[in-house]
PDB file of N, CA and C in Angstrom:
ATOM      1  N   MET A   1       4.222  10.541  -8.287  1.00  0.00           N
ATOM      2  CA  MET A   1       3.137   9.838  -7.640  1.00  0.00           C
ATOM      3  C   MET A   1       2.414  10.760  -6.665  1.00  0.00           C
ATOM      4  N   LEU A   2       3.200  11.553  -5.930  1.00  0.00           N
ATOM      5  CA  LEU A   2       2.617  12.487  -4.963  1.00  0.00           C
ATOM      6  C   LEU A   2       1.715  13.500  -5.665  1.00  0.00           C
ATOM      7  N   SER A   3       2.154  14.003  -6.813  1.00  0.00           N
ATOM      8  CA  SER A   3       1.353  14.974  -7.565  1.00  0.00           C
ATOM      9  C   SER A   3       0.031  14.377  -8.022  1.00  0.00           C
ATOM     10  N   PHE A   4       0.068  13.133  -8.504  1.00  0.00           N
ATOM     11  CA  PHE A   4      -1.166  12.472  -8.917  1.00  0.00           C
ATOM     12  C   PHE A   4      -2.121  12.319  -7.744  1.00  0.00           C
ATOM     13  N   ALA A   5      -1.586  11.867  -6.620  1.00  0.00           N
ATOM     14  CA  ALA A   5      -2.419  11.659  -5.433  1.00  0.00           C
ATOM     15  C   ALA A   5      -3.051  12.973  -4.984  1.00  0.00           C
ATOM     16  N   GLN A   6      -2.269  14.035  -4.968  1.00  0.00           N
ATOM     17  CA  GLN A   6      -2.805  15.333  -4.559  1.00  0.00           C
ATOM     18  C   GLN A   6      -3.867  15.821  -5.546  1.00  0.00           C
ATOM     19  N   ARG A   7      -3.646  15.573  -6.828  1.00  0.00           N
ATOM     20  CA  ARG A   7      -4.639  15.969  -7.838  1.00  0.00           C
ATOM     21  C   ARG A   7      -5.938  15.186  -7.657  1.00  0.00           C
ATOM     22  N   PHE A   8      -5.835  13.899  -7.353  1.00  0.00           N
ATOM     23  CA  PHE A   8      -7.028  13.083  -7.095  1.00  0.00           C
ATOM     24  C   PHE A   8      -7.812  13.658  -5.915  1.00  0.00           C
ATOM     25  N   LEU A   9      -7.088  14.099  -4.890  1.00  0.00           N
ATOM     26  CA  LEU A   9      -7.749  14.693  -3.727  1.00  0.00           C
ATOM     27  C   LEU A   9      -8.403  16.028  -4.084  1.00  0.00           C
ATOM     28  N   GLU A  10      -7.702  16.853  -4.841  1.00  0.00           N
ATOM     29  CA  GLU A  10      -8.251  18.143  -5.245  1.00  0.00           C
ATOM     30  C   GLU A  10      -9.518  17.986  -6.082  1.00  0.00           C
ATOM     31  N   CYS A  11      -9.540  16.985  -6.952  1.00  0.00           N
ATOM     32  CA  CYS A  11     -10.696  16.744  -7.826  1.00  0.00           C
ATOM     33  C   CYS A  11     -11.786  15.925  -7.129  1.00  0.00           C
ATOM     34  N   ARG A  12     -11.561  15.628  -5.876  1.00  0.00           N
ATOM     35  CA  ARG A  12     -12.507  14.844  -5.071  1.00  0.00           C
ATOM     36  C   ARG A  12     -12.782  13.452  -5.663  1.00  0.00           C
ATOM     37  N   ILE A  13     -11.749  12.870  -6.274  1.00  0.00           N
ATOM     38  CA  ILE A  13     -11.842  11.503  -6.774  1.00  0.00           C
ATOM     39  C   ILE A  13     -11.655  10.537  -5.612  1.00  0.00           C
ATOM     40  N   ILE A  14     -10.868  10.950  -4.637  1.00  0.00           N
ATOM     41  CA  ILE A  14     -10.553  10.124  -3.469  1.00  0.00           C
ATOM     42  C   ILE A  14     -11.342  10.612  -2.263  1.00  0.00           C
ATOM     43  N   GLN A  15     -11.895   9.669  -1.513  1.00  0.00           N
ATOM     44  CA  GLN A  15     -12.593   9.989  -0.274  1.00  0.00           C
ATOM     45  C   GLN A  15     -11.630   9.785   0.890  1.00  0.00           C
ATOM     46  N   ILE A  16     -11.431  10.821   1.684  1.00  0.00           N
ATOM     47  CA  ILE A  16     -10.527  10.722   2.827  1.00  0.00           C
ATOM     48  C   ILE A  16     -11.263  10.055   3.984  1.00  0.00           C
ATOM     49  N   GLY A  17     -10.557   9.192   4.693  1.00  0.00           N
ATOM     50  CA  GLY A  17     -11.129   8.574   5.888  1.00  0.00           C
ATOM     51  C   GLY A  17     -10.755   7.117   6.018  1.00  0.00           C
ATOM     52  N   VAL A  18     -11.314   6.285   5.160  1.00  0.00           N
ATOM     53  CA  VAL A  18     -11.052   4.845   5.210  1.00  0.00           C
ATOM     54  C   VAL A  18     -10.216   4.468   3.996  1.00  0.00           C
ATOM     55  N   PHE A  19      -9.113   3.768   4.240  1.00  0.00           N
ATOM     56  CA  PHE A  19      -8.245   3.330   3.151  1.00  0.00           C
ATOM     57  C   PHE A  19      -8.017   1.828   3.256  1.00  0.00           C
ATOM     58  N   TYR A  20      -7.899   1.206   2.099  1.00  0.00           N
ATOM     59  CA  TYR A  20      -7.660  -0.235   2.012  1.00  0.00           C
ATOM     60  C   TYR A  20      -6.275  -0.453   1.425  1.00  0.00           C
ATOM     61  N   PHE A  21      -5.443  -1.216   2.133  1.00  0.00           N
ATOM     62  CA  PHE A  21      -4.106  -1.558   1.666  1.00  0.00           C
ATOM     63  C   PHE A  21      -4.149  -2.974   1.109  1.00  0.00           C
ATOM     64  N   ASP A  22      -3.556  -3.149  -0.053  1.00  0.00           N
ATOM     65  CA  ASP A  22      -3.551  -4.473  -0.668  1.00  0.00           C
ATOM     66  C   ASP A  22      -2.264  -4.654  -1.455  1.00  0.00           C
ATOM     67  N   GLY A  23      -1.813  -5.866  -1.544  1.00  0.00           N
ATOM     68  CA  GLY A  23      -0.606  -6.176  -2.290  1.00  0.00           C
ATOM     69  C   GLY A  23      -0.833  -7.332  -3.244  1.00  0.00           C
ATOM     70  N   HIS A  24      -0.184  -7.251  -4.396  1.00  0.00           N
ATOM     71  CA  HIS A  24      -0.296  -8.318  -5.394  1.00  0.00           C
ATOM     72  C   HIS A  24       1.076  -8.616  -5.976  1.00  0.00           C
ATOM     73  N   PHE A  25       1.371  -9.893  -6.082  1.00  0.00           N
ATOM     74  CA  PHE A  25       2.610 -10.325  -6.721  1.00  0.00           C
ATOM     75  C   PHE A  25       2.409 -10.273  -8.227  1.00  0.00           C
ATOM     76  N   ILE A  26       3.360  -9.646  -8.915  1.00  0.00           N
ATOM     77  CA  ILE A  26       3.318  -9.558 -10.370  1.00  0.00           C
ATOM     78  C   ILE A  26       4.543 -10.284 -10.913  1.00  0.00           C
ATOM     79  N   PRO A  27       4.334 -11.407 -11.608  1.00  0.00           N
ATOM     80  CA  PRO A  27       5.479 -12.161 -12.127  1.00  0.00           C
ATOM     81  C   PRO A  27       6.231 -11.370 -13.200  1.00  0.00           C
ATOM     82  N   TYR A  28       7.516 -11.646 -13.294  1.00  0.00           N
ATOM     83  CA  TYR A  28       8.389 -10.992 -14.256  1.00  0.00           C
ATOM     84  C   TYR A  28       8.974 -12.062 -15.157  1.00  0.00           C
ATOM     85  N   HIS A  29       8.899 -11.839 -16.463  1.00  0.00           N
ATOM     86  CA  HIS A  29       9.368 -12.845 -17.424  1.00  0.00           C
ATOM     87  C   HIS A  29      10.560 -12.368 -18.242  1.00  0.00           C
ATOM     88  N   GLY A  30      11.172 -11.259 -17.827  1.00  0.00           N
ATOM     89  CA  GLY A  30      12.320 -10.714 -18.552  1.00  0.00           C
ATOM     90  C   GLY A  30      13.627 -11.352 -18.135  1.00  0.00           C
ATOM     91  N   THR A  31      14.711 -10.718 -18.521  1.00  0.00           N
ATOM     92  CA  THR A  31      16.043 -11.280 -18.288  1.00  0.00           C
ATOM     93  C   THR A  31      16.743 -10.719 -17.051  1.00  0.00           C
ATOM     94  N   GLU A  32      16.175  -9.686 -16.420  1.00  0.00           N
ATOM     95  CA  GLU A  32      16.788  -9.120 -15.215  1.00  0.00           C
ATOM     96  C   GLU A  32      16.747 -10.139 -14.078  1.00  0.00           C
ATOM     97  N   ASN A  33      17.740 -10.040 -13.188  1.00  0.00           N
ATOM     98  CA  ASN A  33      17.821 -10.967 -12.058  1.00  0.00           C
ATOM     99  C   ASN A  33      17.052 -10.382 -10.871  1.00  0.00           C
ATOM    100  N   LEU A  34      15.758 -10.697 -10.757  1.00  0.00           N
ATOM    101  CA  LEU A  34      14.921 -10.201  -9.667  1.00  0.00           C
ATOM    102  C   LEU A  34      14.749 -11.275  -8.602  1.00  0.00           C
ATOM    103  N   THR A  35      14.408 -10.826  -7.405  1.00  0.00           N
ATOM    104  CA  THR A  35      14.114 -11.730  -6.304  1.00  0.00           C
ATOM    105  C   THR A  35      12.865 -12.543  -6.627  1.00  0.00           C
ATOM    106  N   LYS A  36      12.869 -13.787  -6.194  1.00  0.00           N
ATOM    107  CA  LYS A  36      11.690 -14.628  -6.415  1.00  0.00           C
ATOM    108  C   LYS A  36      10.660 -14.419  -5.309  1.00  0.00           C
ATOM    109  N   GLY A  37       9.412 -14.572  -5.682  1.00  0.00           N
ATOM    110  CA  GLY A  37       8.304 -14.512  -4.752  1.00  0.00           C
ATOM    111  C   GLY A  37       7.336 -15.629  -5.083  1.00  0.00           C
ATOM    112  N   PHE A  38       6.357 -15.832  -4.230  1.00  0.00           N
ATOM    113  CA  PHE A  38       5.404 -16.917  -4.458  1.00  0.00           C
ATOM    114  C   PHE A  38       4.212 -16.388  -5.241  1.00  0.00           C
ATOM    115  N   TYR A  39       3.993 -16.947  -6.409  1.00  0.00           N
ATOM    116  CA  TYR A  39       2.887 -16.570  -7.273  1.00  0.00           C
ATOM    117  C   TYR A  39       1.745 -17.549  -7.015  1.00  0.00           C
ATOM    118  N   THR A  40       0.761 -17.118  -6.234  1.00  0.00           N
ATOM    119  CA  THR A  40      -0.297 -18.015  -5.759  1.00  0.00           C
ATOM    120  C   THR A  40      -1.179 -18.561  -6.876  1.00  0.00           C
ATOM    121  N   THR A  41      -1.312 -17.844  -7.966  1.00  0.00           N
ATOM    122  CA  THR A  41      -2.176 -18.293  -9.063  1.00  0.00           C
ATOM    123  C   THR A  41      -1.732 -19.638  -9.612  1.00  0.00           C
ATOM    124  N   ILE A  42      -0.417 -19.812  -9.754  1.00  0.00           N
ATOM    125  CA  ILE A  42       0.082 -21.098 -10.270  1.00  0.00           C
ATOM    126  C   ILE A  42       0.853 -21.884  -9.205  1.00  0.00           C
ATOM    127  N   ARG A  43       0.836 -21.363  -7.976  1.00  0.00           N
ATOM    128  CA  ARG A  43       1.504 -22.026  -6.842  1.00  0.00           C
ATOM    129  C   ARG A  43       2.965 -22.374  -7.143  1.00  0.00           C
ATOM    130  N   LEU A  44       3.710 -21.322  -7.504  1.00  0.00           N
ATOM    131  CA  LEU A  44       5.092 -21.507  -7.897  1.00  0.00           C
ATOM    132  C   LEU A  44       5.907 -20.276  -7.509  1.00  0.00           C
ATOM    133  N   ALA A  45       7.152 -20.484  -7.087  1.00  0.00           N
ATOM    134  CA  ALA A  45       8.060 -19.366  -6.826  1.00  0.00           C
ATOM    135  C   ALA A  45       8.654 -18.933  -8.153  1.00  0.00           C
ATOM    136  N   MET A  46       8.600 -17.629  -8.395  1.00  0.00           N
ATOM    137  CA  MET A  46       9.166 -17.117  -9.638  1.00  0.00           C
ATOM    138  C   MET A  46       9.594 -15.665  -9.456  1.00  0.00           C
ATOM    139  N   LYS A  47      10.392 -15.168 -10.415  1.00  0.00           N
ATOM    140  CA  LYS A  47      10.855 -13.787 -10.355  1.00  0.00           C
ATOM    141  C   LYS A  47       9.666 -12.845 -10.473  1.00  0.00           C
ATOM    142  N   GLY A  48       9.739 -11.755  -9.717  1.00  0.00           N
ATOM    143  CA  GLY A  48       8.658 -10.778  -9.810  1.00  0.00           C
ATOM    144  C   GLY A  48       8.791  -9.679  -8.771  1.00  0.00           C
ATOM    145  N   ASN A  49       7.782  -8.846  -8.717  1.00  0.00           N
ATOM    146  CA  ASN A  49       7.713  -7.732  -7.768  1.00  0.00           C
ATOM    147  C   ASN A  49       6.359  -7.744  -7.080  1.00  0.00           C
ATOM    148  N   LEU A  50       6.282  -7.012  -6.000  1.00  0.00           N
ATOM    149  CA  LEU A  50       5.010  -6.830  -5.314  1.00  0.00           C
ATOM    150  C   LEU A  50       4.545  -5.395  -5.523  1.00  0.00           C
ATOM    151  N   HIS A  51       3.295  -5.260  -5.912  1.00  0.00           N
ATOM    152  CA  HIS A  51       2.675  -3.948  -6.052  1.00  0.00           C
ATOM    153  C   HIS A  51       1.758  -3.761  -4.862  1.00  0.00           C
ATOM    154  N   TYR A  52       1.955  -2.683  -4.114  1.00  0.00           N
ATOM    155  CA  TYR A  52       1.115  -2.375  -2.965  1.00  0.00           C
ATOM    156  C   TYR A  52       0.264  -1.157  -3.299  1.00  0.00           C
ATOM    157  N   PHE A  53      -1.038  -1.291  -3.093  1.00  0.00           N
ATOM    158  CA  PHE A  53      -1.987  -0.259  -3.454  1.00  0.00           C
ATOM    159  C   PHE A  53      -2.653   0.322  -2.210  1.00  0.00           C
ATOM    160  N   VAL A  54      -2.923   1.628  -2.254  1.00  0.00           N
ATOM    161  CA  VAL A  54      -3.720   2.294  -1.235  1.00  0.00           C
ATOM    162  C   VAL A  54      -4.936   2.857  -1.963  1.00  0.00           C
ATOM    163  N   ASN A  55      -6.110   2.315  -1.632  1.00  0.00           N
ATOM    164  CA  ASN A  55      -7.364   2.721  -2.256  1.00  0.00           C
ATOM    165  C   ASN A  55      -8.297   3.292  -1.204  1.00  0.00           C
ATOM    166  N   ASP A  56      -9.199   4.175  -1.643  1.00  0.00           N
ATOM    167  CA  ASP A  56     -10.222   4.654  -0.718  1.00  0.00           C
ATOM    168  C   ASP A  56     -11.334   3.610  -0.626  1.00  0.00           C
ATOM    169  N   LYS A  57     -12.364   3.885   0.170  1.00  0.00           N
ATOM    170  CA  LYS A  57     -13.387   2.867   0.422  1.00  0.00           C
ATOM    171  C   LYS A  57     -14.217   2.525  -0.814  1.00  0.00           C
ATOM    172  N   SER A  58     -14.180   3.377  -1.842  1.00  0.00           N
ATOM    173  CA  SER A  58     -14.898   3.058  -3.077  1.00  0.00           C
ATOM    174  C   SER A  58     -14.014   2.297  -4.062  1.00  0.00           C
ATOM    175  N   GLY A  59     -12.736   2.116  -3.710  1.00  0.00           N
ATOM    176  CA  GLY A  59     -11.813   1.385  -4.574  1.00  0.00           C
ATOM    177  C   GLY A  59     -10.960   2.262  -5.466  1.00  0.00           C
ATOM    178  N   SER A  60     -11.132   3.576  -5.390  1.00  0.00           N
ATOM    179  CA  SER A  60     -10.309   4.490  -6.190  1.00  0.00           C
ATOM    180  C   SER A  60      -8.895   4.532  -5.615  1.00  0.00           C
ATOM    181  N   PRO A  61      -7.880   4.439  -6.469  1.00  0.00           N
ATOM    182  CA  PRO A  61      -6.501   4.405  -5.968  1.00  0.00           C
ATOM    183  C   PRO A  61      -5.972   5.773  -5.567  1.00  0.00           C
ATOM    184  N   LEU A  62      -5.329   5.835  -4.415  1.00  0.00           N
ATOM    185  CA  LEU A  62      -4.628   7.043  -3.993  1.00  0.00           C
ATOM    186  C   LEU A  62      -3.200   6.998  -4.534  1.00  0.00           C
ATOM    187  N   PHE A  63      -2.507   5.880  -4.308  1.00  0.00           N
ATOM    188  CA  PHE A  63      -1.163   5.688  -4.848  1.00  0.00           C
ATOM    189  C   PHE A  63      -0.806   4.210  -4.752  1.00  0.00           C
ATOM    190  N   PHE A  64       0.335   3.846  -5.348  1.00  0.00           N
ATOM    191  CA  PHE A  64       0.840   2.486  -5.214  1.00  0.00           C
ATOM    192  C   PHE A  64       2.351   2.536  -5.058  1.00  0.00           C
ATOM    193  N   MET A  65       2.907   1.445  -4.558  1.00  0.00           N
ATOM    194  CA  MET A  65       4.354   1.311  -4.394  1.00  0.00           C
ATOM    195  C   MET A  65       4.771  -0.027  -4.981  1.00  0.00           C
ATOM    196  N   LEU A  66       5.930  -0.051  -5.576  1.00  0.00           N
ATOM    197  CA  LEU A  66       6.500  -1.274  -6.131  1.00  0.00           C
ATOM    198  C   LEU A  66       7.664  -1.687  -5.242  1.00  0.00           C
ATOM    199  N   LYS A  67       7.639  -2.930  -4.776  1.00  0.00           N
ATOM    200  CA  LYS A  67       8.689  -3.423  -3.879  1.00  0.00           C
ATOM    201  C   LYS A  67       9.198  -4.778  -4.353  1.00  0.00           C
ATOM    202  N   GLU A  68      10.349  -5.176  -3.819  1.00  0.00           N
ATOM    203  CA  GLU A  68      10.895  -6.491  -4.136  1.00  0.00           C
ATOM    204  C   GLU A  68       9.967  -7.582  -3.615  1.00  0.00           C
ATOM    205  N   ALA A  69      10.061  -8.747  -4.215  1.00  0.00           N
ATOM    206  CA  ALA A  69       9.144  -9.847  -3.931  1.00  0.00           C
ATOM    207  C   ALA A  69       9.143 -10.296  -2.472  1.00  0.00           C
ATOM    208  N   GLN A  70      10.238 -10.143  -1.748  1.00  0.00           N
ATOM    209  CA  GLN A  70      10.269 -10.649  -0.375  1.00  0.00           C
ATOM    210  C   GLN A  70       9.728  -9.664   0.656  1.00  0.00           C
ATOM    211  N   VAL A  71       9.302  -8.469   0.244  1.00  0.00           N
ATOM    212  CA  VAL A  71       8.764  -7.472   1.173  1.00  0.00           C
ATOM    213  C   VAL A  71       7.257  -7.696   1.281  1.00  0.00           C
ATOM    214  N   ASP A  72       6.826  -8.379   2.347  1.00  0.00           N
ATOM    215  CA  ASP A  72       5.400  -8.696   2.461  1.00  0.00           C
ATOM    216  C   ASP A  72       4.612  -7.526   3.059  1.00  0.00           C
ATOM    217  N   LEU A  73       3.297  -7.602   2.934  1.00  0.00           N
ATOM    218  CA  LEU A  73       2.406  -6.513   3.328  1.00  0.00           C
ATOM    219  C   LEU A  73       2.604  -6.088   4.778  1.00  0.00           C
ATOM    220  N   ILE A  74       2.760  -7.021   5.684  1.00  0.00           N
ATOM    221  CA  ILE A  74       2.859  -6.698   7.109  1.00  0.00           C
ATOM    222  C   ILE A  74       4.080  -5.805   7.380  1.00  0.00           C
ATOM    223  N   ARG A  75       5.151  -5.970   6.589  1.00  0.00           N
ATOM    224  CA  ARG A  75       6.356  -5.152   6.772  1.00  0.00           C
ATOM    225  C   ARG A  75       6.242  -3.786   6.105  1.00  0.00           C
ATOM    226  N   ILE A  76       5.382  -3.660   5.111  1.00  0.00           N
ATOM    227  CA  ILE A  76       5.283  -2.409   4.361  1.00  0.00           C
ATOM    228  C   ILE A  76       4.183  -1.491   4.904  1.00  0.00           C
ATOM    229  N   ILE A  77       3.288  -1.997   5.745  1.00  0.00           N
ATOM    230  CA  ILE A  77       2.170  -1.196   6.251  1.00  0.00           C
ATOM    231  C   ILE A  77       2.624   0.101   6.932  1.00  0.00           C
ATOM    232  N   PRO A  78       3.629   0.107   7.796  1.00  0.00           N
ATOM    233  CA  PRO A  78       4.045   1.392   8.390  1.00  0.00           C
ATOM    234  C   PRO A  78       4.455   2.438   7.338  1.00  0.00           C
ATOM    235  N   GLU A  79       5.120   1.998   6.292  1.00  0.00           N
ATOM    236  CA  GLU A  79       5.513   2.920   5.219  1.00  0.00           C
ATOM    237  C   GLU A  79       4.282   3.419   4.446  1.00  0.00           C
ATOM    238  N   LEU A  80       3.323   2.535   4.196  1.00  0.00           N
ATOM    239  CA  LEU A  80       2.089   2.937   3.509  1.00  0.00           C
ATOM    240  C   LEU A  80       1.302   3.950   4.348  1.00  0.00           C
ATOM    241  N   ILE A  81       1.246   3.723   5.665  1.00  0.00           N
ATOM    242  CA  ILE A  81       0.553   4.657   6.554  1.00  0.00           C
ATOM    243  C   ILE A  81       1.240   6.018   6.538  1.00  0.00           C
ATOM    244  N   ALA A  82       2.552   6.022   6.640  1.00  0.00           N
ATOM    245  CA  ALA A  82       3.303   7.284   6.650  1.00  0.00           C
ATOM    246  C   ALA A  82       3.103   8.056   5.348  1.00  0.00           C
ATOM    247  N   LYS A  83       3.164   7.370   4.218  1.00  0.00           N
ATOM    248  CA  LYS A  83       2.991   8.020   2.922  1.00  0.00           C
ATOM    249  C   LYS A  83       1.557   8.536   2.765  1.00  0.00           C
ATOM    250  N   THR A  84       0.572   7.776   3.212  1.00  0.00           N
ATOM    251  CA  THR A  84      -0.825   8.211   3.144  1.00  0.00           C
ATOM    252  C   THR A  84      -1.023   9.466   3.979  1.00  0.00           C
ATOM    253  N   ARG A  85      -0.489   9.468   5.198  1.00  0.00           N
ATOM    254  CA  ARG A  85      -0.591  10.658   6.065  1.00  0.00           C
ATOM    255  C   ARG A  85       0.086  11.869   5.430  1.00  0.00           C
ATOM    256  N   GLN A  86       1.252  11.656   4.824  1.00  0.00           N
ATOM    257  CA  GLN A  86       1.982  12.746   4.181  1.00  0.00           C
ATOM    258  C   GLN A  86       1.159  13.355   3.049  1.00  0.00           C
ATOM    259  N   ILE A  87       0.583  12.524   2.210  1.00  0.00           N
ATOM    260  CA  ILE A  87      -0.218  13.004   1.079  1.00  0.00           C
ATOM    261  C   ILE A  87      -1.433  13.778   1.572  1.00  0.00           C
ATOM    262  N   ILE A  88      -2.135  13.234   2.551  1.00  0.00           N
ATOM    263  CA  ILE A  88      -3.350  13.882   3.047  1.00  0.00           C
ATOM    264  C   ILE A  88      -3.012  15.173   3.781  1.00  0.00           C
ATOM    265  N   LYS A  89      -1.917  15.161   4.539  1.00  0.00           N
ATOM    266  CA  LYS A  89      -1.525  16.356   5.295  1.00  0.00           C
ATOM    267  C   LYS A  89      -1.216  17.519   4.356  1.00  0.00           C
ATOM    268  N   GLU A  90      -0.604  17.233   3.216  1.00  0.00           N
ATOM    269  CA  GLU A  90      -0.284  18.287   2.259  1.00  0.00           C
ATOM    270  C   GLU A  90      -1.545  18.807   1.561  1.00  0.00           C
ATOM    271  N   TYR A  91      -2.592  18.002   1.550  1.00  0.00           N
ATOM    272  CA  TYR A  91      -3.846  18.417   0.924  1.00  0.00           C
ATOM    273  C   TYR A  91      -4.732  19.186   1.889  1.00  0.00           C
ATOM    274  N   THR A  92      -4.794  18.717   3.113  1.00  0.00           N
ATOM    275  CA  THR A  92      -5.652  19.355   4.111  1.00  0.00           C
ATOM    276  C   THR A  92      -4.898  19.463   5.430  1.00  0.00           C
ATOM    277  N   PRO A  93      -4.863  20.636   6.042  1.00  0.00           N
ATOM    278  CA  PRO A  93      -4.105  20.787   7.293  1.00  0.00           C
ATOM    279  C   PRO A  93      -4.697  19.994   8.462  1.00  0.00           C
ATOM    280  N   LYS A  94      -6.017  19.783   8.459  1.00  0.00           N
ATOM    281  CA  LYS A  94      -6.640  19.027   9.550  1.00  0.00           C
ATOM    282  C   LYS A  94      -6.770  17.566   9.125  1.00  0.00           C
ATOM    283  N   VAL A  95      -5.894  16.735   9.641  1.00  0.00           N
ATOM    284  CA  VAL A  95      -5.897  15.323   9.278  1.00  0.00           C
ATOM    285  C   VAL A  95      -6.684  14.550  10.319  1.00  0.00           C
ATOM    286  N   GLU A  96      -7.789  13.976   9.895  1.00  0.00           N
ATOM    287  CA  GLU A  96      -8.586  13.127  10.780  1.00  0.00           C
ATOM    288  C   GLU A  96      -7.859  11.800  10.961  1.00  0.00           C
ATOM    289  N   PRO A  97      -8.153  11.060  12.014  1.00  0.00           N
ATOM    290  CA  PRO A  97      -7.549   9.737  12.163  1.00  0.00           C
ATOM    291  C   PRO A  97      -7.919   8.863  10.966  1.00  0.00           C
ATOM    292  N   LEU A  98      -6.933   8.149  10.459  1.00  0.00           N
ATOM    293  CA  LEU A  98      -7.171   7.261   9.323  1.00  0.00           C
ATOM    294  C   LEU A  98      -7.714   5.926   9.806  1.00  0.00           C
ATOM    295  N   LYS A  99      -8.583   5.357   9.023  1.00  0.00           N
ATOM    296  CA  LYS A  99      -9.053   3.995   9.258  1.00  0.00           C
ATOM    297  C   LYS A  99      -8.461   3.139   8.153  1.00  0.00           C
ATOM    298  N   ILE A 100      -7.703   2.128   8.549  1.00  0.00           N
ATOM    299  CA  ILE A 100      -6.983   1.301   7.600  1.00  0.00           C
ATOM    300  C   ILE A 100      -7.570  -0.112   7.604  1.00  0.00           C
ATOM    301  N   CYS A 101      -7.824  -0.638   6.423  1.00  0.00           N
ATOM    302  CA  CYS A 101      -8.284  -2.018   6.267  1.00  0.00           C
ATOM    303  C   CYS A 101      -7.259  -2.760   5.424  1.00  0.00           C
ATOM    304  N   PHE A 102      -7.014  -4.012   5.760  1.00  0.00           N
ATOM    305  CA  PHE A 102      -6.094  -4.825   4.967  1.00  0.00           C
ATOM    306  C   PHE A 102      -6.317  -6.281   5.302  1.00  0.00           C
ATOM    307  N   ASP A 103      -5.798  -7.139   4.446  1.00  0.00           N
ATOM    308  CA  ASP A 103      -5.866  -8.574   4.670  1.00  0.00           C
ATOM    309  C   ASP A 103      -4.929  -8.895   5.833  1.00  0.00           C
ATOM    310  N   PRO A 104      -5.448  -9.436   6.950  1.00  0.00           N
ATOM    311  CA  PRO A 104      -4.611  -9.595   8.142  1.00  0.00           C
ATOM    312  C   PRO A 104      -3.467 -10.584   8.000  1.00  0.00           C
ATOM    313  N   GLY A 105      -3.540 -11.533   7.086  1.00  0.00           N
ATOM    314  CA  GLY A 105      -2.429 -12.461   6.850  1.00  0.00           C
ATOM    315  C   GLY A 105      -1.719 -12.873   8.121  1.00  0.00           C
ATOM    316  N   ARG A 106      -0.434 -12.493   8.238  1.00  0.00           N
ATOM    317  CA  ARG A 106       0.362 -12.784   9.438  1.00  0.00           C
ATOM    318  C   ARG A 106       0.412 -11.538  10.312  1.00  0.00           C
ATOM    319  N   MET A 107      -0.688 -11.226  10.921  1.00  0.00           N
ATOM    320  CA  MET A 107      -0.838 -10.009  11.717  1.00  0.00           C
ATOM    321  C   MET A 107       0.048 -10.040  12.970  1.00  0.00           C
ATOM    322  N   GLU A 108       0.598  -8.891  13.294  1.00  0.00           N
ATOM    323  CA  GLU A 108       1.424  -8.750  14.497  1.00  0.00           C
ATOM    324  C   GLU A 108       0.867  -7.605  15.333  1.00  0.00           C
ATOM    325  N   CYS A 109       0.631  -7.838  16.611  1.00  0.00           N
ATOM    326  CA  CYS A 109       0.107  -6.796  17.494  1.00  0.00           C
ATOM    327  C   CYS A 109       1.052  -5.608  17.583  1.00  0.00           C
ATOM    328  N   SER A 110       2.354  -5.846  17.542  1.00  0.00           N
ATOM    329  CA  SER A 110       3.320  -4.744  17.655  1.00  0.00           C
ATOM    330  C   SER A 110       3.174  -3.767  16.494  1.00  0.00           C
ATOM    331  N   LEU A 111       2.730  -4.241  15.341  1.00  0.00           N
ATOM    332  CA  LEU A 111       2.509  -3.363  14.198  1.00  0.00           C
ATOM    333  C   LEU A 111       1.480  -2.301  14.546  1.00  0.00           C
ATOM    334  N   PHE A 112       0.388  -2.687  15.166  1.00  0.00           N
ATOM    335  CA  PHE A 112      -0.665  -1.745  15.516  1.00  0.00           C
ATOM    336  C   PHE A 112      -0.206  -0.777  16.588  1.00  0.00           C
ATOM    337  N   GLN A 113       0.595  -1.239  17.530  1.00  0.00           N
ATOM    338  CA  GLN A 113       1.102  -0.358  18.567  1.00  0.00           C
ATOM    339  C   GLN A 113       2.031   0.694  17.976  1.00  0.00           C
ATOM    340  N   ARG A 114       2.909   0.304  17.046  1.00  0.00           N
ATOM    341  CA  ARG A 114       3.820   1.258  16.400  1.00  0.00           C
ATOM    342  C   ARG A 114       3.047   2.268  15.565  1.00  0.00           C
ATOM    343  N   ALA A 115       2.075   1.804  14.774  1.00  0.00           N
ATOM    344  CA  ALA A 115       1.311   2.684  13.887  1.00  0.00           C
ATOM    345  C   ALA A 115       0.466   3.672  14.682  1.00  0.00           C
ATOM    346  N   ARG A 116      -0.064   3.237  15.796  1.00  0.00           N
ATOM    347  CA  ARG A 116      -0.948   4.081  16.618  1.00  0.00           C
ATOM    348  C   ARG A 116      -0.198   5.263  17.219  1.00  0.00           C
ATOM    349  N   HIS A 117       1.067   5.055  17.571  1.00  0.00           N
ATOM    350  CA  HIS A 117       1.817   6.085  18.297  1.00  0.00           C
ATOM    351  C   HIS A 117       2.629   6.990  17.374  1.00  0.00           C
ATOM    352  N   LYS A 118       2.480   6.865  16.071  1.00  0.00           N
ATOM    353  CA  LYS A 118       3.222   7.734  15.151  1.00  0.00           C
ATOM    354  C   LYS A 118       2.386   8.882  14.701  1.00  0.00           C
TER     355      LYS A 118
END
């Protein structure tokens, strides 16, 4: 995943600066025993995973992460920020401050304080 992200940056497919974090529940219909999550499309709890995406301001994807259904966006944002910084730092030594956009959902002020000081 890191190699793809770095290649996107090298080819100037990704614009550095503003990133949008988003998560989507993807239902699973196989036989594995996965954690259940809430699938809003049909308003039902079912087995599945959450896919978290980091896109630039034009919507081009930098990378994505797959997590268990109970890991909501607010808990994964610090990890997404750290991974985004790591990818950009390896591409360019001068890392400008990132601007992050996301669906505020159950926003916590402490999240912003932790992210700001890292």
